[in-house]
Amino acid sequence: MDGSTLLWSIAEGSRGARWRASTRRGEGLLSDLLLEVGLDGRPGRLEITTAAGQLTLHPEPGQASAHGNVVSADGVRPLAFVWSTHHWFESRQGPVVAAAMCRSLRTVVGVGEFRLVPGLHVDAALRVWRGERGVRRLTESRWLIEEADGFGWELSLDDEGLPIFESGERRDPASTAAPVWPLEISEDA
């Protein structure tokens, strides 16, 4: 284990969910991530900040492309990629994006089924490339994520589809979960 700690939360509201995650090692922040997911379970916006800069990616309304940019000390680098209703984001900064993806696939991937998921992959240097990852549902709550480089790792979801990050596995840092909270506050409260 690399000694890093993952702090994450999910806020749910009338338009979907907002996942937040930050990864720290010692006193330093390694990455900060925001993923917005619509009511349909599809990703709507990804923002990542690392030492390399700030990345923003979002699918266009027609779902045919995804656009964004990377802001760094070198300036602004525009991003544009082919996208579809089957694409997902993938972030190498932590397992939260994969957890959101598996949560959305719970209704369409049965136990024992395998699915190739096309996506846009982002590394710590905020390089983005197109690729595919394999997703296999091992049990009702356990998923196997197979990366294009042959590396596989497992992820568990609870009954509500929220991740159970186990510390000590090759990919997972120690995890501290904040409670699930509403995006909007009811005027009745």
N, C-alpha and C. Protein backbone atom coordinates (compact mmCIF):
# COMPACT_ATOMS: atom_id res chain seq x y z
N MET A 1 0.84 -1.18 0.00
CA MET A 1 0.00 0.00 0.00
C MET A 1 0.88 1.24 0.00
N ASP A 2 0.42 2.30 -0.64
CA ASP A 2 1.25 3.48 -0.80
C ASP A 2 1.07 4.52 0.29
N GLY A 3 0.26 4.23 1.32
CA GLY A 3 0.09 5.17 2.43
C GLY A 3 -0.88 6.30 2.14
N SER A 4 -1.61 6.24 1.05
CA SER A 4 -2.55 7.31 0.74
C SER A 4 -3.91 7.05 1.39
N THR A 5 -4.68 8.12 1.55
CA THR A 5 -6.01 8.05 2.14
C THR A 5 -7.01 8.67 1.18
N LEU A 6 -8.12 7.97 0.96
CA LEU A 6 -9.20 8.44 0.11
C LEU A 6 -10.32 8.97 0.99
N LEU A 7 -10.74 10.20 0.76
CA LEU A 7 -11.90 10.79 1.42
C LEU A 7 -12.95 10.98 0.34
N TRP A 8 -14.15 10.43 0.54
CA TRP A 8 -15.16 10.54 -0.51
C TRP A 8 -16.53 10.79 0.08
N SER A 9 -17.42 11.33 -0.77
CA SER A 9 -18.81 11.54 -0.39
C SER A 9 -19.66 11.49 -1.65
N ILE A 10 -20.95 11.32 -1.45
CA ILE A 10 -21.91 11.39 -2.54
C ILE A 10 -23.10 12.20 -2.06
N ALA A 11 -23.53 13.14 -2.87
CA ALA A 11 -24.72 13.94 -2.58
C ALA A 11 -25.74 13.63 -3.67
N GLU A 12 -26.96 13.33 -3.26
CA GLU A 12 -28.00 12.98 -4.22
C GLU A 12 -29.08 14.04 -4.22
N GLY A 13 -29.62 14.32 -5.43
CA GLY A 13 -30.65 15.34 -5.54
C GLY A 13 -31.60 15.07 -6.69
N SER A 14 -32.37 16.07 -7.04
CA SER A 14 -33.41 15.92 -8.05
C SER A 14 -32.85 15.74 -9.45
N ARG A 15 -31.59 16.08 -9.69
CA ARG A 15 -30.98 15.93 -11.02
C ARG A 15 -29.96 14.80 -11.08
N GLY A 16 -29.71 14.12 -9.95
CA GLY A 16 -28.75 13.03 -9.96
C GLY A 16 -27.87 13.05 -8.73
N ALA A 17 -26.62 12.63 -8.91
CA ALA A 17 -25.70 12.53 -7.79
C ALA A 17 -24.39 13.25 -8.10
N ARG A 18 -23.77 13.75 -7.05
CA ARG A 18 -22.46 14.39 -7.16
C ARG A 18 -21.50 13.64 -6.25
N TRP A 19 -20.54 12.97 -6.87
CA TRP A 19 -19.49 12.25 -6.14
C TRP A 19 -18.31 13.19 -5.97
N ARG A 20 -17.75 13.22 -4.77
CA ARG A 20 -16.52 13.98 -4.49
C ARG A 20 -15.51 13.03 -3.90
N ALA A 21 -14.26 13.21 -4.25
CA ALA A 21 -13.20 12.38 -3.68
C ALA A 21 -11.90 13.14 -3.69
N SER A 22 -11.13 12.97 -2.65
CA SER A 22 -9.77 13.51 -2.63
C SER A 22 -8.85 12.42 -2.08
N THR A 23 -7.65 12.40 -2.61
CA THR A 23 -6.65 11.44 -2.17
C THR A 23 -5.47 12.21 -1.61
N ARG A 24 -5.06 11.82 -0.41
CA ARG A 24 -3.93 12.47 0.28
C ARG A 24 -2.89 11.44 0.63
N ARG A 25 -1.68 11.90 0.71
CA ARG A 25 -0.58 11.09 1.27
C ARG A 25 0.18 12.02 2.19
N GLY A 26 0.27 11.63 3.46
CA GLY A 26 0.90 12.51 4.44
C GLY A 26 0.10 13.80 4.54
N GLU A 27 0.77 14.92 4.44
CA GLU A 27 0.10 16.21 4.49
C GLU A 27 -0.25 16.76 3.11
N GLY A 28 0.10 16.02 2.05
CA GLY A 28 -0.10 16.54 0.71
C GLY A 28 -1.33 15.99 0.01
N LEU A 29 -1.99 16.85 -0.76
CA LEU A 29 -3.13 16.47 -1.56
C LEU A 29 -2.62 15.95 -2.91
N LEU A 30 -2.97 14.70 -3.26
CA LEU A 30 -2.56 14.12 -4.53
C LEU A 30 -3.55 14.43 -5.64
N SER A 31 -4.84 14.35 -5.32
CA SER A 31 -5.85 14.64 -6.33
C SER A 31 -7.16 15.01 -5.67
N ASP A 32 -7.97 15.76 -6.41
CA ASP A 32 -9.31 16.12 -5.98
C ASP A 32 -10.21 15.87 -7.18
N LEU A 33 -11.36 15.23 -6.96
CA LEU A 33 -12.21 14.78 -8.05
C LEU A 33 -13.66 15.11 -7.79
N LEU A 34 -14.37 15.52 -8.85
CA LEU A 34 -15.81 15.72 -8.81
C LEU A 34 -16.39 14.97 -10.00
N LEU A 35 -17.39 14.14 -9.75
CA LEU A 35 -18.10 13.43 -10.82
C LEU A 35 -19.58 13.67 -10.62
N GLU A 36 -20.23 14.24 -11.65
CA GLU A 36 -21.67 14.42 -11.61
C GLU A 36 -22.31 13.34 -12.47
N VAL A 37 -23.35 12.71 -11.93
CA VAL A 37 -24.06 11.63 -12.60
C VAL A 37 -25.54 11.99 -12.63
N GLY A 38 -26.17 11.85 -13.80
CA GLY A 38 -27.58 12.19 -13.94
C GLY A 38 -28.49 11.14 -13.31
N LEU A 39 -29.79 11.42 -13.30
CA LEU A 39 -30.76 10.47 -12.76
C LEU A 39 -30.76 9.16 -13.53
N ASP A 40 -30.31 9.21 -14.79
CA ASP A 40 -30.22 7.99 -15.60
C ASP A 40 -28.97 7.17 -15.29
N GLY A 41 -28.15 7.65 -14.34
CA GLY A 41 -26.93 6.94 -13.96
C GLY A 41 -25.74 7.24 -14.85
N ARG A 42 -25.93 8.05 -15.87
CA ARG A 42 -24.87 8.36 -16.83
C ARG A 42 -24.02 9.53 -16.33
N PRO A 43 -22.71 9.49 -16.64
CA PRO A 43 -21.83 10.59 -16.22
C PRO A 43 -22.16 11.88 -16.98
N GLY A 44 -22.16 12.99 -16.23
CA GLY A 44 -22.46 14.28 -16.83
C GLY A 44 -21.29 15.24 -16.81
N ARG A 45 -20.38 15.08 -15.86
CA ARG A 45 -19.24 16.00 -15.75
C ARG A 45 -18.18 15.35 -14.87
N LEU A 46 -16.93 15.50 -15.29
CA LEU A 46 -15.79 15.03 -14.51
C LEU A 46 -14.82 16.19 -14.37
N GLU A 47 -14.42 16.46 -13.13
CA GLU A 47 -13.38 17.46 -12.86
C GLU A 47 -12.33 16.80 -11.98
N ILE A 48 -11.07 16.96 -12.35
CA ILE A 48 -9.97 16.41 -11.57
C ILE A 48 -8.88 17.47 -11.45
N THR A 49 -8.37 17.62 -10.24
CA THR A 49 -7.21 18.49 -10.00
C THR A 49 -6.10 17.62 -9.43
N THR A 50 -4.93 17.71 -10.05
CA THR A 50 -3.72 17.04 -9.56
C THR A 50 -2.59 18.06 -9.61
N ALA A 51 -1.39 17.63 -9.26
CA ALA A 51 -0.23 18.52 -9.36
C ALA A 51 0.00 18.97 -10.80
N ALA A 52 -0.52 18.22 -11.78
CA ALA A 52 -0.35 18.56 -13.20
C ALA A 52 -1.27 19.68 -13.66
N GLY A 53 -2.36 19.95 -12.92
CA GLY A 53 -3.30 20.99 -13.32
C GLY A 53 -4.73 20.62 -13.01
N GLN A 54 -5.64 21.21 -13.80
CA GLN A 54 -7.07 21.01 -13.60
C GLN A 54 -7.69 20.51 -14.90
N LEU A 55 -8.47 19.44 -14.82
CA LEU A 55 -9.14 18.87 -15.98
C LEU A 55 -10.65 18.99 -15.80
N THR A 56 -11.34 19.30 -16.89
CA THR A 56 -12.80 19.26 -16.95
C THR A 56 -13.18 18.51 -18.21
N LEU A 57 -14.11 17.55 -18.10
CA LEU A 57 -14.65 16.81 -19.24
C LEU A 57 -16.14 16.64 -19.05
N HIS A 58 -16.90 16.81 -20.13
CA HIS A 58 -18.35 16.59 -20.04
C HIS A 58 -18.89 16.16 -21.39
N PRO A 59 -19.80 15.18 -21.39
CA PRO A 59 -20.45 14.79 -22.63
C PRO A 59 -21.36 15.92 -23.12
N GLU A 60 -21.44 16.09 -24.41
CA GLU A 60 -22.34 17.07 -24.99
C GLU A 60 -23.77 16.53 -24.90
N PRO A 61 -24.79 17.39 -24.97
CA PRO A 61 -26.18 16.94 -24.81
C PRO A 61 -26.58 15.80 -25.76
N GLY A 62 -26.09 15.77 -26.97
CA GLY A 62 -26.45 14.71 -27.91
C GLY A 62 -25.71 13.41 -27.68
N GLN A 63 -24.78 13.38 -26.74
CA GLN A 63 -23.99 12.19 -26.37
C GLN A 63 -23.09 11.67 -27.49
N ALA A 64 -22.82 12.47 -28.52
CA ALA A 64 -21.94 12.03 -29.61
C ALA A 64 -20.48 12.41 -29.36
N SER A 65 -20.26 13.37 -28.44
CA SER A 65 -18.90 13.81 -28.16
C SER A 65 -18.80 14.27 -26.71
N ALA A 66 -17.56 14.32 -26.24
CA ALA A 66 -17.26 14.86 -24.91
C ALA A 66 -16.17 15.91 -25.09
N HIS A 67 -16.33 17.02 -24.41
CA HIS A 67 -15.38 18.13 -24.53
C HIS A 67 -14.93 18.58 -23.16
N GLY A 68 -13.87 19.34 -23.15
CA GLY A 68 -13.36 19.91 -21.91
C GLY A 68 -12.01 20.54 -22.15
N ASN A 69 -11.23 20.64 -21.09
CA ASN A 69 -9.89 21.21 -21.21
C ASN A 69 -9.06 20.83 -20.00
N VAL A 70 -7.77 21.03 -20.17
CA VAL A 70 -6.81 20.89 -19.08
C VAL A 70 -6.14 22.24 -18.92
N VAL A 71 -6.18 22.78 -17.72
CA VAL A 71 -5.50 24.03 -17.41
C VAL A 71 -4.26 23.67 -16.60
N SER A 72 -3.10 24.09 -17.09
CA SER A 72 -1.85 23.80 -16.40
C SER A 72 -0.92 25.01 -16.49
N ALA A 73 0.26 24.88 -15.94
CA ALA A 73 1.25 25.96 -16.02
C ALA A 73 1.63 26.26 -17.47
N ASP A 74 1.40 25.31 -18.37
CA ASP A 74 1.71 25.49 -19.79
C ASP A 74 0.59 26.16 -20.56
N GLY A 75 -0.54 26.43 -19.93
CA GLY A 75 -1.67 27.06 -20.61
C GLY A 75 -2.90 26.18 -20.58
N VAL A 76 -3.78 26.39 -21.55
CA VAL A 76 -5.03 25.64 -21.64
C VAL A 76 -4.96 24.72 -22.85
N ARG A 77 -5.24 23.44 -22.62
CA ARG A 77 -5.26 22.44 -23.69
C ARG A 77 -6.69 21.96 -23.87
N PRO A 78 -7.33 22.29 -25.02
CA PRO A 78 -8.69 21.84 -25.25
C PRO A 78 -8.74 20.33 -25.48
N LEU A 79 -9.86 19.71 -25.09
CA LEU A 79 -10.07 18.28 -25.25
C LEU A 79 -11.36 18.05 -26.02
N ALA A 80 -11.34 17.10 -26.94
CA ALA A 80 -12.54 16.71 -27.68
C ALA A 80 -12.41 15.24 -28.06
N PHE A 81 -13.43 14.45 -27.74
CA PHE A 81 -13.40 13.01 -27.98
C PHE A 81 -14.76 12.52 -28.45
N VAL A 82 -14.76 11.42 -29.18
CA VAL A 82 -15.99 10.72 -29.52
C VAL A 82 -16.57 10.15 -28.23
N TRP A 83 -17.88 10.17 -28.10
CA TRP A 83 -18.57 9.71 -26.91
C TRP A 83 -19.84 9.00 -27.35
N SER A 84 -20.41 8.17 -26.51
CA SER A 84 -21.69 7.52 -26.80
C SER A 84 -22.43 7.31 -25.49
N THR A 85 -23.63 6.78 -25.60
CA THR A 85 -24.42 6.51 -24.40
C THR A 85 -23.88 5.30 -23.62
N HIS A 86 -22.84 4.64 -24.15
CA HIS A 86 -22.23 3.51 -23.45
C HIS A 86 -20.89 3.89 -22.80
N HIS A 87 -20.36 5.06 -23.11
CA HIS A 87 -19.07 5.49 -22.58
C HIS A 87 -19.15 5.84 -21.10
N TRP A 88 -17.99 5.71 -20.44
CA TRP A 88 -17.83 6.13 -19.06
C TRP A 88 -16.46 6.77 -18.91
N PHE A 89 -16.30 7.55 -17.87
CA PHE A 89 -14.98 8.08 -17.53
C PHE A 89 -14.24 7.04 -16.71
N GLU A 90 -12.92 7.16 -16.67
CA GLU A 90 -12.10 6.32 -15.80
C GLU A 90 -10.97 7.19 -15.29
N SER A 91 -10.81 7.23 -13.98
CA SER A 91 -9.80 8.07 -13.36
C SER A 91 -8.80 7.19 -12.63
N ARG A 92 -7.54 7.36 -12.92
CA ARG A 92 -6.50 6.59 -12.24
C ARG A 92 -6.17 7.16 -10.87
N GLN A 93 -6.86 8.23 -10.45
CA GLN A 93 -6.58 8.85 -9.16
C GLN A 93 -7.27 8.13 -8.00
N GLY A 94 -8.17 7.20 -8.27
CA GLY A 94 -8.86 6.50 -7.20
C GLY A 94 -10.05 5.74 -7.75
N PRO A 95 -10.68 4.93 -6.93
CA PRO A 95 -11.73 4.03 -7.39
C PRO A 95 -13.15 4.60 -7.41
N VAL A 96 -13.34 5.86 -7.09
CA VAL A 96 -14.69 6.42 -6.99
C VAL A 96 -15.42 6.42 -8.33
N VAL A 97 -14.74 6.75 -9.41
CA VAL A 97 -15.40 6.78 -10.72
C VAL A 97 -15.85 5.37 -11.11
N ALA A 98 -15.01 4.36 -10.85
CA ALA A 98 -15.39 2.97 -11.13
C ALA A 98 -16.58 2.56 -10.27
N ALA A 99 -16.63 3.02 -9.03
CA ALA A 99 -17.76 2.71 -8.15
C ALA A 99 -19.05 3.30 -8.71
N ALA A 100 -19.00 4.54 -9.19
CA ALA A 100 -20.18 5.17 -9.79
C ALA A 100 -20.62 4.40 -11.04
N MET A 101 -19.65 3.95 -11.83
CA MET A 101 -19.97 3.18 -13.04
C MET A 101 -20.66 1.86 -12.65
N CYS A 102 -20.11 1.12 -11.72
CA CYS A 102 -20.71 -0.16 -11.31
C CYS A 102 -22.10 0.07 -10.72
N ARG A 103 -22.25 1.16 -9.96
CA ARG A 103 -23.57 1.47 -9.40
C ARG A 103 -24.59 1.65 -10.51
N SER A 104 -24.21 2.32 -11.59
CA SER A 104 -25.14 2.54 -12.69
C SER A 104 -25.41 1.27 -13.49
N LEU A 105 -24.47 0.33 -13.49
CA LEU A 105 -24.63 -0.90 -14.27
C LEU A 105 -25.39 -2.00 -13.52
N ARG A 106 -25.71 -1.78 -12.25
CA ARG A 106 -26.38 -2.82 -11.44
C ARG A 106 -27.68 -3.31 -12.06
N THR A 107 -28.39 -2.45 -12.77
CA THR A 107 -29.69 -2.85 -13.33
C THR A 107 -29.56 -3.52 -14.70
N VAL A 108 -28.39 -3.46 -15.33
CA VAL A 108 -28.25 -4.02 -16.68
C VAL A 108 -27.23 -5.15 -16.79
N VAL A 109 -26.40 -5.34 -15.77
CA VAL A 109 -25.41 -6.41 -15.78
C VAL A 109 -25.76 -7.38 -14.65
N GLY A 110 -26.07 -8.61 -15.02
CA GLY A 110 -26.44 -9.62 -14.02
C GLY A 110 -25.21 -10.32 -13.46
N VAL A 111 -25.42 -11.06 -12.39
CA VAL A 111 -24.33 -11.82 -11.77
C VAL A 111 -23.78 -12.80 -12.80
N GLY A 112 -22.45 -12.82 -12.93
CA GLY A 112 -21.77 -13.68 -13.88
C GLY A 112 -21.59 -13.06 -15.26
N GLU A 113 -22.24 -11.94 -15.53
CA GLU A 113 -22.13 -11.30 -16.84
C GLU A 113 -20.88 -10.43 -16.94
N PHE A 114 -20.40 -10.28 -18.17
CA PHE A 114 -19.22 -9.47 -18.49
C PHE A 114 -19.64 -8.42 -19.50
N ARG A 115 -19.09 -7.21 -19.37
CA ARG A 115 -19.40 -6.13 -20.29
C ARG A 115 -18.12 -5.36 -20.59
N LEU A 116 -17.87 -5.05 -21.86
CA LEU A 116 -16.79 -4.13 -22.23
C LEU A 116 -17.38 -2.73 -22.22
N VAL A 117 -16.74 -1.82 -21.52
CA VAL A 117 -17.25 -0.46 -21.39
C VAL A 117 -16.24 0.50 -22.02
N PRO A 118 -16.62 1.17 -23.13
CA PRO A 118 -15.72 2.16 -23.71
C PRO A 118 -15.64 3.38 -22.81
N GLY A 119 -14.52 4.07 -22.85
CA GLY A 119 -14.41 5.22 -21.99
C GLY A 119 -13.27 6.14 -22.31
N LEU A 120 -13.21 7.20 -21.55
CA LEU A 120 -12.11 8.15 -21.58
C LEU A 120 -11.34 7.99 -20.28
N HIS A 121 -10.07 7.66 -20.39
CA HIS A 121 -9.23 7.36 -19.24
C HIS A 121 -8.34 8.57 -18.94
N VAL A 122 -8.19 8.89 -17.66
CA VAL A 122 -7.41 10.05 -17.22
C VAL A 122 -6.37 9.59 -16.22
N ASP A 123 -5.10 9.96 -16.45
CA ASP A 123 -4.05 9.60 -15.48
C ASP A 123 -3.66 10.82 -14.64
N ALA A 124 -2.71 10.65 -13.73
CA ALA A 124 -2.31 11.71 -12.80
C ALA A 124 -1.71 12.92 -13.50
N ALA A 125 -1.15 12.71 -14.70
CA ALA A 125 -0.61 13.83 -15.48
C ALA A 125 -1.70 14.52 -16.30
N LEU A 126 -2.95 14.08 -16.12
CA LEU A 126 -4.13 14.60 -16.81
C LEU A 126 -4.06 14.36 -18.33
N ARG A 127 -3.40 13.27 -18.69
CA ARG A 127 -3.46 12.82 -20.09
C ARG A 127 -4.74 12.02 -20.23
N VAL A 128 -5.42 12.20 -21.36
CA VAL A 128 -6.69 11.54 -21.61
C VAL A 128 -6.55 10.70 -22.87
N TRP A 129 -7.04 9.45 -22.81
CA TRP A 129 -7.05 8.60 -24.00
C TRP A 129 -8.31 7.76 -24.00
N ARG A 130 -8.67 7.31 -25.20
CA ARG A 130 -9.83 6.43 -25.36
C ARG A 130 -9.41 4.99 -25.09
N GLY A 131 -10.29 4.22 -24.49
CA GLY A 131 -9.99 2.83 -24.23
C GLY A 131 -11.22 2.08 -23.81
N GLU A 132 -11.03 0.83 -23.45
CA GLU A 132 -12.11 -0.01 -22.95
C GLU A 132 -11.64 -0.68 -21.68
N ARG A 133 -12.59 -0.98 -20.82
CA ARG A 133 -12.30 -1.77 -19.63
C ARG A 133 -13.38 -2.83 -19.52
N GLY A 134 -12.99 -3.95 -19.00
CA GLY A 134 -13.94 -5.02 -18.78
C GLY A 134 -14.55 -4.91 -17.40
N VAL A 135 -15.84 -5.19 -17.31
CA VAL A 135 -16.55 -5.17 -16.04
C VAL A 135 -17.28 -6.50 -15.93
N ARG A 136 -16.99 -7.24 -14.87
CA ARG A 136 -17.64 -8.52 -14.62
C ARG A 136 -18.28 -8.46 -13.24
N ARG A 137 -19.57 -8.82 -13.20
CA ARG A 137 -20.27 -8.86 -11.91
C ARG A 137 -20.08 -10.24 -11.33
N LEU A 138 -19.29 -10.33 -10.28
CA LEU A 138 -18.96 -11.61 -9.67
C LEU A 138 -20.07 -12.16 -8.78
N THR A 139 -20.66 -11.27 -7.98
CA THR A 139 -21.77 -11.64 -7.09
C THR A 139 -22.74 -10.47 -7.11
N GLU A 140 -23.76 -10.55 -6.30
CA GLU A 140 -24.73 -9.46 -6.23
C GLU A 140 -24.04 -8.14 -5.87
N SER A 141 -22.99 -8.19 -5.05
CA SER A 141 -22.34 -6.97 -4.56
C SER A 141 -20.89 -6.79 -5.01
N ARG A 142 -20.29 -7.79 -5.62
CA ARG A 142 -18.85 -7.74 -5.94
C ARG A 142 -18.63 -7.67 -7.44
N TRP A 143 -17.74 -6.77 -7.87
CA TRP A 143 -17.43 -6.51 -9.27
C TRP A 143 -15.94 -6.66 -9.52
N LEU A 144 -15.59 -7.14 -10.70
CA LEU A 144 -14.20 -7.20 -11.15
C LEU A 144 -14.04 -6.18 -12.26
N ILE A 145 -13.07 -5.28 -12.09
CA ILE A 145 -12.76 -4.27 -13.10
C ILE A 145 -11.47 -4.73 -13.77
N GLU A 146 -11.50 -4.92 -15.07
CA GLU A 146 -10.33 -5.39 -15.82
C GLU A 146 -9.83 -4.26 -16.71
N GLU A 147 -8.64 -3.77 -16.39
CA GLU A 147 -8.04 -2.67 -17.16
C GLU A 147 -7.47 -3.20 -18.47
N ALA A 148 -7.31 -2.31 -19.43
CA ALA A 148 -6.78 -2.69 -20.75
C ALA A 148 -5.37 -3.25 -20.67
N ASP A 149 -4.60 -2.87 -19.63
CA ASP A 149 -3.22 -3.36 -19.50
C ASP A 149 -3.15 -4.73 -18.84
N GLY A 150 -4.32 -5.35 -18.59
CA GLY A 150 -4.35 -6.68 -18.00
C GLY A 150 -4.52 -6.70 -16.49
N PHE A 151 -4.40 -5.56 -15.85
CA PHE A 151 -4.55 -5.47 -14.40
C PHE A 151 -6.03 -5.56 -14.04
N GLY A 152 -6.37 -6.39 -13.07
CA GLY A 152 -7.74 -6.50 -12.60
C GLY A 152 -7.82 -6.22 -11.12
N TRP A 153 -8.89 -5.63 -10.69
CA TRP A 153 -9.11 -5.35 -9.28
C TRP A 153 -10.60 -5.45 -8.98
N GLU A 154 -10.92 -5.71 -7.72
CA GLU A 154 -12.30 -5.94 -7.33
C GLU A 154 -12.84 -4.79 -6.49
N LEU A 155 -14.16 -4.62 -6.57
CA LEU A 155 -14.86 -3.54 -5.89
C LEU A 155 -16.17 -4.09 -5.36
N SER A 156 -16.55 -3.71 -4.16
CA SER A 156 -17.83 -4.13 -3.58
C SER A 156 -18.76 -2.94 -3.44
N LEU A 157 -20.06 -3.18 -3.64
CA LEU A 157 -21.09 -2.18 -3.43
C LEU A 157 -22.05 -2.69 -2.37
N ASP A 158 -22.57 -1.79 -1.55
CA ASP A 158 -23.55 -2.21 -0.55
C ASP A 158 -24.94 -2.29 -1.20
N ASP A 159 -25.98 -2.48 -0.41
CA ASP A 159 -27.33 -2.64 -0.94
C ASP A 159 -27.85 -1.41 -1.67
N GLU A 160 -27.33 -0.24 -1.34
CA GLU A 160 -27.74 1.00 -2.00
C GLU A 160 -26.86 1.34 -3.20
N GLY A 161 -25.89 0.47 -3.49
CA GLY A 161 -24.99 0.72 -4.61
C GLY A 161 -23.85 1.64 -4.26
N LEU A 162 -23.59 1.81 -2.98
CA LEU A 162 -22.47 2.65 -2.55
C LEU A 162 -21.24 1.78 -2.34
N PRO A 163 -20.07 2.31 -2.64
CA PRO A 163 -18.85 1.51 -2.57
C PRO A 163 -18.42 1.16 -1.16
N ILE A 164 -17.84 -0.01 -1.05
CA ILE A 164 -17.20 -0.46 0.19
C ILE A 164 -15.73 -0.60 -0.18
N PHE A 165 -14.93 0.40 0.13
CA PHE A 165 -13.52 0.36 -0.23
C PHE A 165 -12.74 -0.33 0.87
N GLU A 166 -12.10 -1.43 0.52
CA GLU A 166 -11.31 -2.18 1.49
C GLU A 166 -9.88 -1.69 1.45
N SER A 167 -9.36 -1.27 2.55
CA SER A 167 -7.97 -0.85 2.64
C SER A 167 -7.07 -2.07 2.53
N GLY A 168 -5.96 -1.90 1.87
CA GLY A 168 -4.98 -2.96 1.82
C GLY A 168 -4.94 -3.70 0.50
N GLU A 169 -5.96 -3.55 -0.35
CA GLU A 169 -5.88 -4.17 -1.66
C GLU A 169 -4.92 -3.37 -2.52
N ARG A 170 -4.45 -3.95 -3.57
CA ARG A 170 -3.41 -3.33 -4.39
C ARG A 170 -3.80 -1.94 -4.87
N ARG A 171 -5.03 -1.74 -5.25
CA ARG A 171 -5.44 -0.46 -5.82
C ARG A 171 -6.03 0.49 -4.78
N ASP A 172 -6.64 -0.04 -3.74
CA ASP A 172 -7.40 0.81 -2.84
C ASP A 172 -6.55 1.43 -1.74
N PRO A 173 -6.62 2.76 -1.60
CA PRO A 173 -6.00 3.39 -0.43
C PRO A 173 -6.92 3.20 0.77
N ALA A 174 -6.45 3.59 1.95
CA ALA A 174 -7.34 3.62 3.11
C ALA A 174 -8.48 4.57 2.76
N SER A 175 -9.69 4.29 3.21
CA SER A 175 -10.84 5.08 2.80
C SER A 175 -11.56 5.65 4.00
N THR A 176 -11.98 6.90 3.87
CA THR A 176 -12.82 7.54 4.85
C THR A 176 -14.03 8.06 4.12
N ALA A 177 -15.20 7.51 4.42
CA ALA A 177 -16.41 7.92 3.73
C ALA A 177 -17.16 8.94 4.56
N ALA A 178 -17.60 10.00 3.88
CA ALA A 178 -18.51 10.94 4.50
C ALA A 178 -19.92 10.40 4.27
N PRO A 179 -20.88 10.80 5.05
CA PRO A 179 -22.24 10.28 4.84
C PRO A 179 -22.82 10.77 3.52
N VAL A 180 -23.80 10.02 3.03
CA VAL A 180 -24.55 10.46 1.86
C VAL A 180 -25.44 11.60 2.32
N TRP A 181 -25.53 12.64 1.53
CA TRP A 181 -26.32 13.80 1.93
C TRP A 181 -27.05 14.35 0.73
N PRO A 182 -28.15 15.09 0.95
CA PRO A 182 -28.94 15.61 -0.17
C PRO A 182 -28.28 16.83 -0.81
N LEU A 183 -28.41 16.95 -2.13
CA LEU A 183 -27.92 18.12 -2.83
C LEU A 183 -28.81 19.34 -2.56
N GLU A 184 -30.09 19.12 -2.46
CA GLU A 184 -31.03 20.20 -2.19
C GLU A 184 -31.60 20.03 -0.78
N ILE A 185 -31.89 21.13 -0.14
CA ILE A 185 -32.51 21.10 1.18
C ILE A 185 -33.98 21.42 0.99
N SER A 186 -34.84 20.57 1.54
CA SER A 186 -36.27 20.76 1.43
C SER A 186 -36.67 22.03 2.14
N GLU A 187 -37.60 22.77 1.53
CA GLU A 187 -38.08 23.99 2.18
C GLU A 187 -38.95 23.67 3.39
N ASP A 188 -39.38 22.40 3.50
CA ASP A 188 -40.19 21.98 4.65
C ASP A 188 -39.35 21.79 5.89
N ALA A 189 -38.04 21.65 5.72
CA ALA A 189 -37.15 21.34 6.85
C ALA A 189 -36.93 22.54 7.73
